[in-house]
Amino acid sequence: MQASTSQAGVTAVPATPSGGLAAQPLEFLAFTLGQEEYGVDIQKVQELRGYDAVTRIANAPEHTKGVVNLRGIIVPIIDMRIKFNLGTPTYDQFTVVIILNIASRVMGMVVDSVSDVITLSPEQVKPAPEMGAVLDADYLIGLGTLDDRMLILVDIDKLMTSAEIGLMAETAS
């Protein structure tokens, strides 16, 4: 069973004999923030960059580090460690900026490190528990389990287009 791509570039997922959608494996870019490992949909990732100096914007929220000029595009940079209140961030040779393409906008998020791309079957993604955690469950896809690893799978579309962060995207574009 193969997925086909229409002229508009939309991938059609084939139906199973029962009429439901075929269970497609999901790919996530794994990254760390503090002691936890997170994952974002690899299809939202445009590129990975080392952390460089940014241009601060007056009155921007603390988690908005500023903007960078990426080949002529002004890209807002969000420090996820500050956003999730994970202590004072440090910037070293492992600090990475994940450049994301979300809702036709380019944004960057600073993370401690990036490890690999993980492929998960739908059975390996468990619903996120409601715990009043640092990360609102509205922004979670669930928890991905792979051997002895557990990834907190972030719905990066919902998180980055939320009112709090979305306002920055409007200002920078």
Protein backbone atom coordinates (compact mmCIF):
# COMPACT_ATOMS: atom_id res chain seq x y z
CA MET A 1 0.00 0.00 0.00
CA GLN A 2 1.60 3.29 -1.03
CA ALA A 3 0.64 6.88 -0.35
CA SER A 4 0.16 8.97 -3.45
CA THR A 5 0.79 12.66 -3.88
CA SER A 6 -1.76 14.83 -5.65
CA GLN A 7 -0.85 17.77 -7.88
CA ALA A 8 -1.37 20.14 -4.95
CA GLY A 9 1.39 18.32 -3.06
CA VAL A 10 -0.99 16.78 -0.52
CA THR A 11 -0.21 13.20 0.36
CA ALA A 12 -3.22 10.92 0.21
CA VAL A 13 -3.20 8.16 2.83
CA PRO A 14 -4.62 4.94 1.44
CA ALA A 15 -7.69 3.45 3.06
CA THR A 16 -7.61 0.03 4.68
CA PRO A 17 -10.06 -2.64 3.45
CA SER A 18 -12.39 -1.69 6.32
CA GLY A 19 -12.50 1.90 5.02
CA GLY A 20 -10.36 3.44 7.81
CA LEU A 21 -7.03 5.15 7.30
CA ALA A 22 -3.90 3.04 7.15
CA ALA A 23 -1.76 3.38 10.27
CA GLN A 24 1.29 5.31 9.11
CA PRO A 25 4.51 5.44 11.16
CA LEU A 26 5.19 8.88 12.61
CA GLU A 27 8.61 10.56 12.58
CA PHE A 28 9.71 12.94 15.33
CA LEU A 29 12.86 14.98 15.83
CA ALA A 30 14.02 14.17 19.39
CA PHE A 31 15.47 17.01 21.49
CA THR A 32 16.19 17.67 25.13
CA LEU A 33 15.15 20.45 27.48
CA GLY A 34 16.59 20.02 30.96
CA GLN A 35 16.30 16.35 31.95
CA GLU A 36 13.40 15.54 29.60
CA GLU A 37 13.33 14.36 26.01
CA TYR A 38 10.77 15.86 23.64
CA GLY A 39 9.73 15.24 20.07
CA VAL A 40 8.29 17.39 17.28
CA ASP A 41 6.90 16.30 13.92
CA ILE A 42 9.90 16.07 11.59
CA GLN A 43 7.80 17.49 8.74
CA LYS A 44 7.64 20.84 10.58
CA VAL A 45 11.44 21.08 10.84
CA GLN A 46 13.14 23.18 8.16
CA GLU A 47 16.72 23.01 9.45
CA LEU A 48 18.96 22.83 12.52
CA ARG A 49 21.42 25.59 13.44
CA GLY A 50 23.85 26.30 16.23
CA TYR A 51 22.85 29.07 18.62
CA ASP A 52 24.07 32.50 17.48
CA ALA A 53 23.51 35.97 18.82
CA VAL A 54 20.05 37.37 18.21
CA THR A 55 18.70 40.90 17.85
CA ARG A 56 16.53 41.67 20.89
CA ILE A 57 13.11 43.22 20.40
CA ALA A 58 11.92 45.78 22.96
CA ASN A 59 9.04 44.67 25.20
CA ALA A 60 9.12 41.10 23.84
CA PRO A 61 8.22 38.35 26.32
CA GLU A 62 11.21 36.92 28.21
CA HIS A 63 11.08 33.60 26.31
CA THR A 64 11.42 35.47 23.00
CA LYS A 65 15.18 35.81 22.65
CA GLY A 66 14.83 38.07 19.61
CA VAL A 67 15.12 37.65 15.86
CA VAL A 68 17.74 36.51 13.36
CA ASN A 69 18.09 37.14 9.65
CA LEU A 70 18.00 33.73 7.96
CA ARG A 71 18.82 34.21 4.28
CA GLY A 72 16.67 37.34 4.08
CA ILE A 73 13.83 36.07 6.31
CA ILE A 74 13.42 37.60 9.77
CA VAL A 75 12.91 34.65 12.13
CA PRO A 76 11.70 35.02 15.74
CA ILE A 77 13.67 32.84 18.19
CA ILE A 78 11.83 31.34 21.19
CA ASP A 79 13.85 29.81 24.05
CA MET A 80 11.81 26.80 25.12
CA ARG A 81 13.74 26.44 28.40
CA ILE A 82 12.52 29.87 29.46
CA LYS A 83 9.02 29.26 28.05
CA PHE A 84 8.64 26.05 30.08
CA ASN A 85 10.33 27.58 33.15
CA LEU A 86 13.13 24.99 33.24
CA GLY A 87 15.69 27.12 35.05
CA THR A 88 18.34 29.52 33.81
CA PRO A 89 19.38 28.59 30.28
CA THR A 90 23.01 28.13 29.38
CA TYR A 91 24.27 28.33 25.82
CA ASP A 92 27.08 26.01 24.79
CA GLN A 93 28.30 24.01 21.79
CA PHE A 94 25.33 21.61 22.16
CA THR A 95 22.64 24.32 22.14
CA VAL A 96 20.59 24.06 18.96
CA VAL A 97 18.05 26.27 17.23
CA ILE A 98 15.41 24.19 15.46
CA ILE A 99 14.06 26.22 12.55
CA LEU A 100 10.38 25.35 12.08
CA ASN A 101 7.94 26.06 9.28
CA ILE A 102 4.54 26.45 10.93
CA ALA A 103 1.40 27.89 9.38
CA SER A 104 3.45 29.48 6.57
CA ARG A 105 5.74 31.16 9.11
CA VAL A 106 9.36 30.41 9.90
CA MET A 107 10.22 30.35 13.62
CA GLY A 108 13.14 29.12 15.65
CA MET A 109 13.15 27.38 19.00
CA VAL A 110 16.20 27.05 21.22
CA VAL A 111 16.69 23.62 22.82
CA ASP A 112 19.51 22.08 24.87
CA SER A 113 20.41 19.47 22.24
CA VAL A 114 19.02 17.40 19.38
CA SER A 115 19.62 13.65 19.36
CA ASP A 116 17.97 11.89 16.42
CA VAL A 117 14.88 11.24 14.33
CA ILE A 118 12.63 8.61 15.88
CA THR A 119 10.00 6.63 14.00
CA LEU A 120 7.02 5.60 16.11
CA SER A 121 4.05 3.45 15.18
CA PRO A 122 0.65 4.78 16.31
CA GLU A 123 0.63 2.04 19.01
CA GLN A 124 3.79 3.56 20.53
CA VAL A 125 2.06 6.93 21.12
CA LYS A 126 0.10 7.01 24.38
CA PRO A 127 -2.29 9.78 25.44
CA ALA A 128 -0.75 12.45 27.65
CA PRO A 129 -1.85 12.31 31.28
CA GLU A 130 -3.63 15.33 32.75
CA MET A 131 -1.24 16.47 35.48
CA GLY A 132 -1.27 20.25 35.33
CA ALA A 133 2.30 19.91 34.09
CA VAL A 134 4.63 22.69 33.00
CA LEU A 135 3.50 22.05 29.43
CA ASP A 136 -0.26 22.41 29.00
CA ALA A 137 -1.75 19.11 27.77
CA ASP A 138 -3.44 21.05 24.93
CA TYR A 139 0.01 21.31 23.35
CA LEU A 140 0.78 17.60 23.64
CA ILE A 141 0.21 14.87 21.09
CA GLY A 142 1.03 12.28 23.72
CA LEU A 143 3.95 10.27 25.05
CA GLY A 144 6.05 8.24 22.65
CA THR A 145 7.63 5.06 23.95
CA LEU A 146 10.59 3.40 22.28
CA ASP A 147 12.46 0.70 24.22
CA ASP A 148 13.56 2.45 27.43
CA ARG A 149 13.01 5.98 26.08
CA MET A 150 9.96 8.15 26.59
CA LEU A 151 9.43 11.28 24.49
CA ILE A 152 7.02 14.06 25.30
CA LEU A 153 5.48 14.65 21.87
CA VAL A 154 4.69 18.33 21.36
CA ASP A 155 2.00 19.59 18.98
CA ILE A 156 4.28 22.36 17.78
CA ASP A 157 1.56 23.89 15.56
CA LYS A 158 -0.74 24.50 18.54
CA LEU A 159 2.09 25.66 20.79
CA MET A 160 3.68 28.11 18.35
CA THR A 161 0.38 29.53 17.11
CA SER A 162 -1.00 29.93 20.64
CA ALA A 163 -1.95 33.51 21.52
CA GLU A 164 1.10 34.01 23.74
CA ILE A 165 3.72 32.96 21.19
CA GLY A 166 1.62 33.73 18.11
CA LEU A 167 1.70 37.43 18.91
CA MET A 168 5.46 37.43 18.39
CA ALA A 169 5.10 35.83 14.98
CA GLU A 170 2.77 38.64 13.92
CA THR A 171 5.24 41.30 15.14
CA ALA A 172 8.27 39.77 13.42
CA SER A 173 6.74 39.22 10.01
